[in-house]
Amino acid sequence: AVVNASVASGAAIAFSKMESLTASRALVSDGSGDLVVSDVTSAEIDHLDGVTSAIQTQLDAKASKGFATAMAIAL
């Protein structure tokens, strides 16, 4: 059996040889630079695909347009 201490830090080990991770989750590095599973799902990443600016900016712009429309209707 190969133990962690026996593996050189520069070893090129195929990811398929690693322990299985949680399916459909993003991978991030932790404070030590180690690869860990995030709480972010692949569905959440799909929502961000193609975003070209800050999401909050886009939401604020839509909210402003919606507010202006509501005010115009109320008047």
Foldseek 3Di string as FASTA:
>chain_A
DDDPVNDDPPDDDDPVPDDDADPQFDWDADPVRDIHTDPHGVVNVVVVPPDDDDPVVVVVVVVVVVVVVVVVVVD
